[in-house]
Amino acid sequence: QVQLVESGGGLVQPGGSLKLSCAASGFSVSNSFMTWVRQAPGKGLEWVSTITIGGGSTTYATSVKGRFTISRDNAKNMLYLQMNSLKPEDTAVYYCERSGVRGQGTQVTVSS
């Protein structure tokens, strides 16, 4: 069955960087629209970024554009989110998602 397992979160100072990973099984990331979403404390889910099938066109929420980069490794069946210039407001649990299915999430905390 479809499984997604996120990793790579942690505590980072403002201005720092993290790279999140999402290990996929039960399907191929190369044949799927893949998305990162996040949920900040006390708030609803927020769309962060999507990468499309094939050519891999990418889109980003305005709040992260220019700072975050979504990518995938088809050979490893992995999805990534490189996050640079992190801000306290990026603090959230980050999930990778495919067709409404999400993993358990990975916590990102941006704080000095």
PDB file of N, CA and C in Angstrom:
ATOM      1  N   GLN A   1       0.834  -1.175   0.000  1.00  0.00           N
ATOM      2  CA  GLN A   1       0.000   0.000   0.000  1.00  0.00           C
ATOM      3  C   GLN A   1       0.882   1.243   0.000  1.00  0.00           C
ATOM      4  N   VAL A   2       0.247   2.394  -0.244  1.00  0.00           N
ATOM      5  CA  VAL A   2       0.970   3.654  -0.278  1.00  0.00           C
ATOM      6  C   VAL A   2       1.460   4.006   1.118  1.00  0.00           C
ATOM      7  N   GLN A   3       2.760   4.278   1.221  1.00  0.00           N
ATOM      8  CA  GLN A   3       3.338   4.734   2.492  1.00  0.00           C
ATOM      9  C   GLN A   3       4.288   5.896   2.229  1.00  0.00           C
ATOM     10  N   LEU A   4       4.251   6.859   3.131  1.00  0.00           N
ATOM     11  CA  LEU A   4       5.123   8.017   3.076  1.00  0.00           C
ATOM     12  C   LEU A   4       5.745   8.215   4.455  1.00  0.00           C
ATOM     13  N   VAL A   5       7.058   8.360   4.496  1.00  0.00           N
ATOM     14  CA  VAL A   5       7.753   8.537   5.766  1.00  0.00           C
ATOM     15  C   VAL A   5       8.670   9.748   5.668  1.00  0.00           C
ATOM     16  N   GLU A   6       8.329  10.789   6.435  1.00  0.00           N
ATOM     17  CA  GLU A   6       9.106  12.020   6.429  1.00  0.00           C
ATOM     18  C   GLU A   6      10.222  11.970   7.461  1.00  0.00           C
ATOM     19  N   SER A   7      11.297  12.683   7.190  1.00  0.00           N
ATOM     20  CA  SER A   7      12.409  12.804   8.127  1.00  0.00           C
ATOM     21  C   SER A   7      13.166  14.083   7.830  1.00  0.00           C
ATOM     22  N   GLY A   8      14.084  14.426   8.746  1.00  0.00           N
ATOM     23  CA  GLY A   8      14.959  15.568   8.512  1.00  0.00           C
ATOM     24  C   GLY A   8      14.604  16.825   9.283  1.00  0.00           C
ATOM     25  N   GLY A   9      13.524  16.792  10.023  1.00  0.00           N
ATOM     26  CA  GLY A   9      13.157  17.966  10.808  1.00  0.00           C
ATOM     27  C   GLY A   9      14.085  18.151  11.996  1.00  0.00           C
ATOM     28  N   GLY A  10      13.869  19.257  12.702  1.00  0.00           N
ATOM     29  CA  GLY A  10      14.684  19.533  13.876  1.00  0.00           C
ATOM     30  C   GLY A  10      14.557  20.975  14.311  1.00  0.00           C
ATOM     31  N   LEU A  11      15.449  21.354  15.222  1.00  0.00           N
ATOM     32  CA  LEU A  11      15.501  22.720  15.728  1.00  0.00           C
ATOM     33  C   LEU A  11      16.611  23.472  14.997  1.00  0.00           C
ATOM     34  N   VAL A  12      16.272  24.635  14.469  1.00  0.00           N
ATOM     35  CA  VAL A  12      17.243  25.426  13.724  1.00  0.00           C
ATOM     36  C   VAL A  12      17.045  26.894  14.062  1.00  0.00           C
ATOM     37  N   GLN A  13      18.127  27.654  14.025  1.00  0.00           N
ATOM     38  CA  GLN A  13      18.037  29.091  14.306  1.00  0.00           C
ATOM     39  C   GLN A  13      17.487  29.838  13.096  1.00  0.00           C
ATOM     40  N   PRO A  14      16.865  30.975  13.319  1.00  0.00           N
ATOM     41  CA  PRO A  14      16.412  31.792  12.186  1.00  0.00           C
ATOM     42  C   PRO A  14      17.567  32.063  11.218  1.00  0.00           C
ATOM     43  N   GLY A  15      17.258  31.940   9.937  1.00  0.00           N
ATOM     44  CA  GLY A  15      18.280  32.096   8.910  1.00  0.00           C
ATOM     45  C   GLY A  15      18.964  30.805   8.520  1.00  0.00           C
ATOM     46  N   GLY A  16      18.709  29.750   9.271  1.00  0.00           N
ATOM     47  CA  GLY A  16      19.337  28.471   9.002  1.00  0.00           C
ATOM     48  C   GLY A  16      18.638  27.680   7.911  1.00  0.00           C
ATOM     49  N   SER A  17      19.137  26.464   7.697  1.00  0.00           N
ATOM     50  CA  SER A  17      18.619  25.603   6.629  1.00  0.00           C
ATOM     51  C   SER A  17      18.350  24.201   7.154  1.00  0.00           C
ATOM     52  N   LEU A  18      17.406  23.544   6.522  1.00  0.00           N
ATOM     53  CA  LEU A  18      17.121  22.128   6.755  1.00  0.00           C
ATOM     54  C   LEU A  18      16.706  21.515   5.433  1.00  0.00           C
ATOM     55  N   LYS A  19      16.964  20.216   5.310  1.00  0.00           N
ATOM     56  CA  LYS A  19      16.475  19.489   4.137  1.00  0.00           C
ATOM     57  C   LYS A  19      15.611  18.338   4.625  1.00  0.00           C
ATOM     58  N   LEU A  20      14.341  18.383   4.266  1.00  0.00           N
ATOM     59  CA  LEU A  20      13.403  17.324   4.613  1.00  0.00           C
ATOM     60  C   LEU A  20      13.402  16.256   3.532  1.00  0.00           C
ATOM     61  N   SER A  21      13.203  15.030   3.970  1.00  0.00           N
ATOM     62  CA  SER A  21      13.116  13.901   3.046  1.00  0.00           C
ATOM     63  C   SER A  21      11.798  13.172   3.250  1.00  0.00           C
ATOM     64  N   CYS A  22      11.326  12.557   2.186  1.00  0.00           N
ATOM     65  CA  CYS A  22      10.108  11.754   2.241  1.00  0.00           C
ATOM     66  C   CYS A  22      10.355  10.477   1.453  1.00  0.00           C
ATOM     67  N   ALA A  23      10.376   9.363   2.161  1.00  0.00           N
ATOM     68  CA  ALA A  23      10.556   8.062   1.526  1.00  0.00           C
ATOM     69  C   ALA A  23       9.203   7.497   1.135  1.00  0.00           C
ATOM     70  N   ALA A  24       9.040   7.205  -0.143  1.00  0.00           N
ATOM     71  CA  ALA A  24       7.763   6.706  -0.652  1.00  0.00           C
ATOM     72  C   ALA A  24       7.846   5.220  -0.962  1.00  0.00           C
ATOM     73  N   SER A  25       6.764   4.520  -0.721  1.00  0.00           N
ATOM     74  CA  SER A  25       6.669   3.114  -1.104  1.00  0.00           C
ATOM     75  C   SER A  25       5.247   2.811  -1.545  1.00  0.00           C
ATOM     76  N   GLY A  26       5.114   1.797  -2.388  1.00  0.00           N
ATOM     77  CA  GLY A  26       3.803   1.410  -2.891  1.00  0.00           C
ATOM     78  C   GLY A  26       3.397   2.121  -4.166  1.00  0.00           C
ATOM     79  N   PHE A  27       4.218   3.060  -4.625  1.00  0.00           N
ATOM     80  CA  PHE A  27       3.980   3.785  -5.859  1.00  0.00           C
ATOM     81  C   PHE A  27       5.282   4.469  -6.260  1.00  0.00           C
ATOM     82  N   SER A  28       5.291   5.063  -7.452  1.00  0.00           N
ATOM     83  CA  SER A  28       6.488   5.758  -7.931  1.00  0.00           C
ATOM     84  C   SER A  28       6.288   7.260  -7.867  1.00  0.00           C
ATOM     85  N   VAL A  29       7.211   7.964  -7.223  1.00  0.00           N
ATOM     86  CA  VAL A  29       7.096   9.419  -7.150  1.00  0.00           C
ATOM     87  C   VAL A  29       7.204  10.037  -8.536  1.00  0.00           C
ATOM     88  N   SER A  30       7.878   9.343  -9.453  1.00  0.00           N
ATOM     89  CA  SER A  30       8.052   9.886 -10.799  1.00  0.00           C
ATOM     90  C   SER A  30       6.717   9.981 -11.540  1.00  0.00           C
ATOM     91  N   ASN A  31       5.740   9.183 -11.144  1.00  0.00           N
ATOM     92  CA  ASN A  31       4.439   9.148 -11.822  1.00  0.00           C
ATOM     93  C   ASN A  31       3.343   9.869 -11.039  1.00  0.00           C
ATOM     94  N   SER A  32       3.752  10.674 -10.052  1.00  0.00           N
ATOM     95  CA  SER A  32       2.765  11.274  -9.167  1.00  0.00           C
ATOM     96  C   SER A  32       3.019  12.765  -8.969  1.00  0.00           C
ATOM     97  N   PHE A  33       1.920  13.511  -8.798  1.00  0.00           N
ATOM     98  CA  PHE A  33       2.034  14.854  -8.255  1.00  0.00           C
ATOM     99  C   PHE A  33       2.364  14.678  -6.771  1.00  0.00           C
ATOM    100  N   MET A  34       3.422  15.303  -6.325  1.00  0.00           N
ATOM    101  CA  MET A  34       3.822  15.199  -4.923  1.00  0.00           C
ATOM    102  C   MET A  34       3.807  16.579  -4.291  1.00  0.00           C
ATOM    103  N   THR A  35       3.356  16.635  -3.069  1.00  0.00           N
ATOM    104  CA  THR A  35       3.138  17.901  -2.394  1.00  0.00           C
ATOM    105  C   THR A  35       3.725  17.877  -0.990  1.00  0.00           C
ATOM    106  N   TRP A  36       4.187  19.018  -0.558  1.00  0.00           N
ATOM    107  CA  TRP A  36       4.532  19.249   0.854  1.00  0.00           C
ATOM    108  C   TRP A  36       3.466  20.189   1.439  1.00  0.00           C
ATOM    109  N   VAL A  37       2.979  19.829   2.599  1.00  0.00           N
ATOM    110  CA  VAL A  37       2.075  20.692   3.346  1.00  0.00           C
ATOM    111  C   VAL A  37       2.627  20.813   4.764  1.00  0.00           C
ATOM    112  N   ARG A  38       2.134  21.794   5.508  1.00  0.00           N
ATOM    113  CA  ARG A  38       2.598  21.949   6.882  1.00  0.00           C
ATOM    114  C   ARG A  38       1.447  22.389   7.773  1.00  0.00           C
ATOM    115  N   GLN A  39       1.613  22.143   9.058  1.00  0.00           N
ATOM    116  CA  GLN A  39       0.617  22.551  10.032  1.00  0.00           C
ATOM    117  C   GLN A  39       1.316  23.185  11.221  1.00  0.00           C
ATOM    118  N   ALA A  40       1.109  24.467  11.372  1.00  0.00           N
ATOM    119  CA  ALA A  40       1.682  25.195  12.494  1.00  0.00           C
ATOM    120  C   ALA A  40       0.828  24.964  13.740  1.00  0.00           C
ATOM    121  N   PRO A  41       1.393  25.165  14.920  1.00  0.00           N
ATOM    122  CA  PRO A  41       0.645  24.946  16.162  1.00  0.00           C
ATOM    123  C   PRO A  41      -0.656  25.747  16.177  1.00  0.00           C
ATOM    124  N   GLY A  42      -1.768  25.060  16.402  1.00  0.00           N
ATOM    125  CA  GLY A  42      -3.053  25.720  16.510  1.00  0.00           C
ATOM    126  C   GLY A  42      -3.663  26.176  15.206  1.00  0.00           C
ATOM    127  N   LYS A  43      -3.053  25.791  14.079  1.00  0.00           N
ATOM    128  CA  LYS A  43      -3.556  26.226  12.777  1.00  0.00           C
ATOM    129  C   LYS A  43      -3.878  25.038  11.891  1.00  0.00           C
ATOM    130  N   GLY A  44      -4.546  25.293  10.772  1.00  0.00           N
ATOM    131  CA  GLY A  44      -4.887  24.245   9.834  1.00  0.00           C
ATOM    132  C   GLY A  44      -3.744  23.913   8.898  1.00  0.00           C
ATOM    133  N   LEU A  45      -3.975  22.937   8.029  1.00  0.00           N
ATOM    134  CA  LEU A  45      -2.971  22.561   7.051  1.00  0.00           C
ATOM    135  C   LEU A  45      -2.751  23.681   6.042  1.00  0.00           C
ATOM    136  N   GLU A  46      -1.493  23.899   5.697  1.00  0.00           N
ATOM    137  CA  GLU A  46      -1.129  24.922   4.726  1.00  0.00           C
ATOM    138  C   GLU A  46      -0.326  24.266   3.605  1.00  0.00           C
ATOM    139  N   TRP A  47      -0.749  24.480   2.363  1.00  0.00           N
ATOM    140  CA  TRP A  47       0.001  23.980   1.218  1.00  0.00           C
ATOM    141  C   TRP A  47       1.324  24.746   1.117  1.00  0.00           C
ATOM    142  N   VAL A  48       2.402  24.005   0.849  1.00  0.00           N
ATOM    143  CA  VAL A  48       3.733  24.609   0.749  1.00  0.00           C
ATOM    144  C   VAL A  48       4.255  24.556  -0.688  1.00  0.00           C
ATOM    145  N   SER A  49       4.217  23.361  -1.295  1.00  0.00           N
ATOM    146  CA  SER A  49       4.819  23.222  -2.612  1.00  0.00           C
ATOM    147  C   SER A  49       4.349  21.945  -3.279  1.00  0.00           C
ATOM    148  N   THR A  50       4.349  21.947  -4.613  1.00  0.00           N
ATOM    149  CA  THR A  50       3.985  20.774  -5.409  1.00  0.00           C
ATOM    150  C   THR A  50       4.956  20.612  -6.560  1.00  0.00           C
ATOM    151  N   ILE A  51       5.267  19.356  -6.861  1.00  0.00           N
ATOM    152  CA  ILE A  51       6.049  19.028  -8.048  1.00  0.00           C
ATOM    153  C   ILE A  51       5.214  18.094  -8.909  1.00  0.00           C
ATOM    154  N   THR A  52       5.183  18.366 -10.215  1.00  0.00           N
ATOM    155  CA  THR A  52       4.314  17.609 -11.097  1.00  0.00           C
ATOM    156  C   THR A  52       5.025  16.400 -11.682  1.00  0.00           C
ATOM    157  N   ILE A  53       4.245  15.626 -12.445  1.00  0.00           N
ATOM    158  CA  ILE A  53       4.770  14.444 -13.112  1.00  0.00           C
ATOM    159  C   ILE A  53       5.670  14.865 -14.275  1.00  0.00           C
ATOM    160  N   GLY A  54       6.530  13.972 -14.693  1.00  0.00           N
ATOM    161  CA  GLY A  54       7.300  14.183 -15.908  1.00  0.00           C
ATOM    162  C   GLY A  54       8.338  15.273 -15.776  1.00  0.00           C
ATOM    163  N   GLY A  55       8.084  16.398 -16.399  1.00  0.00           N
ATOM    164  CA  GLY A  55       9.064  17.474 -16.396  1.00  0.00           C
ATOM    165  C   GLY A  55       9.329  18.078 -15.048  1.00  0.00           C
ATOM    166  N   GLY A  56       8.445  17.804 -14.105  1.00  0.00           N
ATOM    167  CA  GLY A  56       8.710  18.252 -12.749  1.00  0.00           C
ATOM    168  C   GLY A  56       8.529  19.734 -12.545  1.00  0.00           C
ATOM    169  N   SER A  57       7.507  20.298 -13.131  1.00  0.00           N
ATOM    170  CA  SER A  57       7.195  21.694 -12.864  1.00  0.00           C
ATOM    171  C   SER A  57       6.892  21.865 -11.381  1.00  0.00           C
ATOM    172  N   THR A  58       7.362  22.962 -10.797  1.00  0.00           N
ATOM    173  CA  THR A  58       7.201  23.190  -9.366  1.00  0.00           C
ATOM    174  C   THR A  58       6.439  24.473  -9.092  1.00  0.00           C
ATOM    175  N   THR A  59       5.669  24.465  -8.021  1.00  0.00           N
ATOM    176  CA  THR A  59       4.968  25.662  -7.565  1.00  0.00           C
ATOM    177  C   THR A  59       5.148  25.783  -6.065  1.00  0.00           C
ATOM    178  N   TYR A  60       5.070  27.027  -5.595  1.00  0.00           N
ATOM    179  CA  TYR A  60       5.336  27.306  -4.182  1.00  0.00           C
ATOM    180  C   TYR A  60       4.331  28.300  -3.621  1.00  0.00           C
ATOM    181  N   ALA A  61       4.052  28.155  -2.345  1.00  0.00           N
ATOM    182  CA  ALA A  61       3.273  29.168  -1.654  1.00  0.00           C
ATOM    183  C   ALA A  61       4.081  30.465  -1.619  1.00  0.00           C
ATOM    184  N   THR A  62       3.387  31.567  -1.651  1.00  0.00           N
ATOM    185  CA  THR A  62       4.062  32.864  -1.633  1.00  0.00           C
ATOM    186  C   THR A  62       4.979  32.998  -0.427  1.00  0.00           C
ATOM    187  N   SER A  63       4.559  32.436   0.692  1.00  0.00           N
ATOM    188  CA  SER A  63       5.315  32.579   1.940  1.00  0.00           C
ATOM    189  C   SER A  63       6.673  31.883   1.911  1.00  0.00           C
ATOM    190  N   VAL A  64       6.869  30.936   0.993  1.00  0.00           N
ATOM    191  CA  VAL A  64       8.143  30.189   0.952  1.00  0.00           C
ATOM    192  C   VAL A  64       8.883  30.354  -0.363  1.00  0.00           C
ATOM    193  N   LYS A  65       8.279  30.997  -1.329  1.00  0.00           N
ATOM    194  CA  LYS A  65       8.893  31.120  -2.657  1.00  0.00           C
ATOM    195  C   LYS A  65      10.220  31.847  -2.557  1.00  0.00           C
ATOM    196  N   GLY A  66      11.218  31.286  -3.213  1.00  0.00           N
ATOM    197  CA  GLY A  66      12.557  31.867  -3.172  1.00  0.00           C
ATOM    198  C   GLY A  66      13.414  31.348  -2.041  1.00  0.00           C
ATOM    199  N   ARG A  67      12.780  30.651  -1.080  1.00  0.00           N
ATOM    200  CA  ARG A  67      13.527  30.108   0.066  1.00  0.00           C
ATOM    201  C   ARG A  67      13.517  28.586   0.087  1.00  0.00           C
ATOM    202  N   PHE A  68      12.435  27.986  -0.375  1.00  0.00           N
ATOM    203  CA  PHE A  68      12.279  26.529  -0.358  1.00  0.00           C
ATOM    204  C   PHE A  68      12.393  25.978  -1.783  1.00  0.00           C
ATOM    205  N   THR A  69      12.912  24.754  -1.884  1.00  0.00           N
ATOM    206  CA  THR A  69      13.005  24.075  -3.175  1.00  0.00           C
ATOM    207  C   THR A  69      12.540  22.630  -3.026  1.00  0.00           C
ATOM    208  N   ILE A  70      11.552  22.260  -3.822  1.00  0.00           N
ATOM    209  CA  ILE A  70      11.058  20.877  -3.835  1.00  0.00           C
ATOM    210  C   ILE A  70      11.776  20.122  -4.952  1.00  0.00           C
ATOM    211  N   SER A  71      12.085  18.864  -4.673  1.00  0.00           N
ATOM    212  CA  SER A  71      12.740  18.046  -5.693  1.00  0.00           C
ATOM    213  C   SER A  71      12.447  16.585  -5.418  1.00  0.00           C
ATOM    214  N   ARG A  72      12.792  15.737  -6.357  1.00  0.00           N
ATOM    215  CA  ARG A  72      12.606  14.299  -6.145  1.00  0.00           C
ATOM    216  C   ARG A  72      13.759  13.540  -6.782  1.00  0.00           C
ATOM    217  N   ASP A  73      13.991  12.340  -6.267  1.00  0.00           N
ATOM    218  CA  ASP A  73      14.971  11.420  -6.817  1.00  0.00           C
ATOM    219  C   ASP A  73      14.197  10.181  -7.243  1.00  0.00           C
ATOM    220  N   ASN A  74      13.966  10.068  -8.530  1.00  0.00           N
ATOM    221  CA  ASN A  74      13.141   8.959  -9.021  1.00  0.00           C
ATOM    222  C   ASN A  74      13.795   7.601  -8.746  1.00  0.00           C
ATOM    223  N   ALA A  75      15.097   7.528  -8.850  1.00  0.00           N
ATOM    224  CA  ALA A  75      15.794   6.258  -8.638  1.00  0.00           C
ATOM    225  C   ALA A  75      15.652   5.776  -7.195  1.00  0.00           C
ATOM    226  N   LYS A  76      15.645   6.730  -6.258  1.00  0.00           N
ATOM    227  CA  LYS A  76      15.531   6.378  -4.842  1.00  0.00           C
ATOM    228  C   LYS A  76      14.077   6.416  -4.359  1.00  0.00           C
ATOM    229  N   ASN A  77      13.186   6.881  -5.235  1.00  0.00           N
ATOM    230  CA  ASN A  77      11.773   7.038  -4.879  1.00  0.00           C
ATOM    231  C   ASN A  77      11.590   7.952  -3.666  1.00  0.00           C
ATOM    232  N   MET A  78      12.281   9.077  -3.702  1.00  0.00           N
ATOM    233  CA  MET A  78      12.300  10.023  -2.590  1.00  0.00           C
ATOM    234  C   MET A  78      11.833  11.400  -3.042  1.00  0.00           C
ATOM    235  N   LEU A  79      11.233  12.117  -2.119  1.00  0.00           N
ATOM    236  CA  LEU A  79      10.843  13.517  -2.303  1.00  0.00           C
ATOM    237  C   LEU A  79      11.598  14.331  -1.277  1.00  0.00           C
ATOM    238  N   TYR A  80      12.004  15.542  -1.657  1.00  0.00           N
ATOM    239  CA  TYR A  80      12.775  16.398  -0.756  1.00  0.00           C
ATOM    240  C   TYR A  80      12.182  17.801  -0.686  1.00  0.00           C
ATOM    241  N   LEU A  81      12.524  18.488   0.401  1.00  0.00           N
ATOM    242  CA  LEU A  81      12.217  19.911   0.520  1.00  0.00           C
ATOM    243  C   LEU A  81      13.432  20.589   1.155  1.00  0.00           C
ATOM    244  N   GLN A  82      14.164  21.333   0.353  1.00  0.00           N
ATOM    245  CA  GLN A  82      15.289  22.118   0.861  1.00  0.00           C
ATOM    246  C   GLN A  82      14.741  23.447   1.352  1.00  0.00           C
ATOM    247  N   MET A  83      15.008  23.750   2.606  1.00  0.00           N
ATOM    248  CA  MET A  83      14.473  24.965   3.217  1.00  0.00           C
ATOM    249  C   MET A  83      15.633  25.848   3.665  1.00  0.00           C
ATOM    250  N   ASN A  84      15.722  27.022   3.098  1.00  0.00           N
ATOM    251  CA  ASN A  84      16.775  27.980   3.428  1.00  0.00           C
ATOM    252  C   ASN A  84      16.159  29.243   4.023  1.00  0.00           C
ATOM    253  N   SER A  85      17.000  30.030   4.651  1.00  0.00           N
ATOM    254  CA  SER A  85      16.561  31.306   5.247  1.00  0.00           C
ATOM    255  C   SER A  85      15.312  31.111   6.091  1.00  0.00           C
ATOM    256  N   LEU A  86      15.362  30.127   6.954  1.00  0.00           N
ATOM    257  CA  LEU A  86      14.185  29.782   7.746  1.00  0.00           C
ATOM    258  C   LEU A  86      13.808  30.895   8.710  1.00  0.00           C
ATOM    259  N   LYS A  87      12.494  31.022   8.917  1.00  0.00           N
ATOM    260  CA  LYS A  87      11.928  32.042   9.792  1.00  0.00           C
ATOM    261  C   LYS A  87      11.126  31.371  10.912  1.00  0.00           C
ATOM    262  N   PRO A  88      10.937  32.049  12.027  1.00  0.00           N
ATOM    263  CA  PRO A  88      10.124  31.456  13.106  1.00  0.00           C
ATOM    264  C   PRO A  88       8.738  31.030  12.623  1.00  0.00           C
ATOM    265  N   GLU A  89       8.182  31.761  11.680  1.00  0.00           N
ATOM    266  CA  GLU A  89       6.849  31.406  11.182  1.00  0.00           C
ATOM    267  C   GLU A  89       6.838  30.154  10.310  1.00  0.00           C
ATOM    268  N   ASP A  90       8.004  29.605  10.012  1.00  0.00           N
ATOM    269  CA  ASP A  90       8.067  28.320   9.310  1.00  0.00           C
ATOM    270  C   ASP A  90       7.929  27.142  10.273  1.00  0.00           C
ATOM    271  N   THR A  91       7.895  27.420  11.564  1.00  0.00           N
ATOM    272  CA  THR A  91       7.729  26.363  12.557  1.00  0.00           C
ATOM    273  C   THR A  91       6.412  25.630  12.336  1.00  0.00           C
ATOM    274  N   ALA A  92       6.493  24.318  12.164  1.00  0.00           N
ATOM    275  CA  ALA A  92       5.308  23.514  11.852  1.00  0.00           C
ATOM    276  C   ALA A  92       5.707  22.041  11.763  1.00  0.00           C
ATOM    277  N   VAL A  93       4.699  21.198  11.702  1.00  0.00           N
ATOM    278  CA  VAL A  93       4.916  19.811  11.313  1.00  0.00           C
ATOM    279  C   VAL A  93       4.748  19.755   9.795  1.00  0.00           C
ATOM    280  N   TYR A  94       5.742  19.188   9.129  1.00  0.00           N
ATOM    281  CA  TYR A  94       5.746  19.128   7.671  1.00  0.00           C
ATOM    282  C   TYR A  94       5.406  17.710   7.223  1.00  0.00           C
ATOM    283  N   TYR A  95       4.512  17.635   6.247  1.00  0.00           N
ATOM    284  CA  TYR A  95       4.060  16.358   5.709  1.00  0.00           C
ATOM    285  C   TYR A  95       4.265  16.317   4.199  1.00  0.00           C
ATOM    286  N   CYS A  96       4.665  15.171   3.678  1.00  0.00           N
ATOM    287  CA  CYS A  96       4.574  14.970   2.238  1.00  0.00           C
ATOM    288  C   CYS A  96       3.242  14.284   1.957  1.00  0.00           C
ATOM    289  N   GLU A  97       2.723  14.553   0.783  1.00  0.00           N
ATOM    290  CA  GLU A  97       1.365  14.102   0.476  1.00  0.00           C
ATOM    291  C   GLU A  97       1.259  13.682  -0.982  1.00  0.00           C
ATOM    292  N   ARG A  98       0.479  12.624  -1.187  1.00  0.00           N
ATOM    293  CA  ARG A  98       0.174  12.161  -2.539  1.00  0.00           C
ATOM    294  C   ARG A  98      -1.277  11.707  -2.544  1.00  0.00           C
ATOM    295  N   SER A  99      -2.084  12.403  -3.322  1.00  0.00           N
ATOM    296  CA  SER A  99      -3.503  12.068  -3.476  1.00  0.00           C
ATOM    297  C   SER A  99      -4.206  11.938  -2.125  1.00  0.00           C
ATOM    298  N   GLY A 100      -3.937  12.875  -1.246  1.00  0.00           N
ATOM    299  CA  GLY A 100      -4.616  12.908   0.035  1.00  0.00           C
ATOM    300  C   GLY A 100      -4.015  12.034   1.111  1.00  0.00           C
ATOM    301  N   VAL A 101      -3.004  11.267   0.775  1.00  0.00           N
ATOM    302  CA  VAL A 101      -2.346  10.410   1.761  1.00  0.00           C
ATOM    303  C   VAL A 101      -1.088  11.118   2.257  1.00  0.00           C
ATOM    304  N   ARG A 102      -0.959  11.201   3.575  1.00  0.00           N
ATOM    305  CA  ARG A 102       0.211  11.858   4.177  1.00  0.00           C
ATOM    306  C   ARG A 102       0.947  10.901   5.092  1.00  0.00           C
ATOM    307  N   GLY A 103       2.193  11.232   5.338  1.00  0.00           N
ATOM    308  CA  GLY A 103       2.948  10.467   6.318  1.00  0.00           C
ATOM    309  C   GLY A 103       2.674  10.958   7.729  1.00  0.00           C
ATOM    310  N   GLN A 104       3.563  10.592   8.648  1.00  0.00           N
ATOM    311  CA  GLN A 104       3.377  10.972  10.056  1.00  0.00           C
ATOM    312  C   GLN A 104       3.877  12.375  10.342  1.00  0.00           C
ATOM    313  N   GLY A 105       4.645  12.914   9.417  1.00  0.00           N
ATOM    314  CA  GLY A 105       5.145  14.266   9.559  1.00  0.00           C
ATOM    315  C   GLY A 105       6.479  14.339  10.274  1.00  0.00           C
ATOM    316  N   THR A 106       7.149  15.485  10.095  1.00  0.00           N
ATOM    317  CA  THR A 106       8.410  15.746  10.779  1.00  0.00           C
ATOM    318  C   THR A 106       8.369  17.183  11.302  1.00  0.00           C
ATOM    319  N   GLN A 107       8.766  17.356  12.556  1.00  0.00           N
ATOM    320  CA  GLN A 107       8.650  18.648  13.214  1.00  0.00           C
ATOM    321  C   GLN A 107       9.826  19.552  12.837  1.00  0.00           C
ATOM    322  N   VAL A 108       9.502  20.760  12.428  1.00  0.00           N
ATOM    323  CA  VAL A 108      10.511  21.798  12.177  1.00  0.00           C
ATOM    324  C   VAL A 108      10.245  22.938  13.151  1.00  0.00           C
ATOM    325  N   THR A 109      11.271  23.290  13.930  1.00  0.00           N
ATOM    326  CA  THR A 109      11.154  24.395  14.873  1.00  0.00           C
ATOM    327  C   THR A 109      12.259  25.403  14.579  1.00  0.00           C
ATOM    328  N   VAL A 110      11.849  26.626  14.312  1.00  0.00           N
ATOM    329  CA  VAL A 110      12.798  27.698  14.014  1.00  0.00           C
ATOM    330  C   VAL A 110      12.768  28.674  15.180  1.00  0.00           C
ATOM    331  N   SER A 111      13.861  28.700  15.933  1.00  0.00           N
ATOM    332  CA  SER A 111      13.888  29.515  17.141  1.00  0.00           C
ATOM    333  C   SER A 111      15.327  29.780  17.546  1.00  0.00           C
ATOM    334  N   SER A 112      15.542  30.941  18.129  1.00  0.00           N
ATOM    335  CA  SER A 112      16.872  31.257  18.652  1.00  0.00           C
ATOM    336  C   SER A 112      16.958  30.883  20.129  1.00  0.00           C
TER     337      SER A 112
END
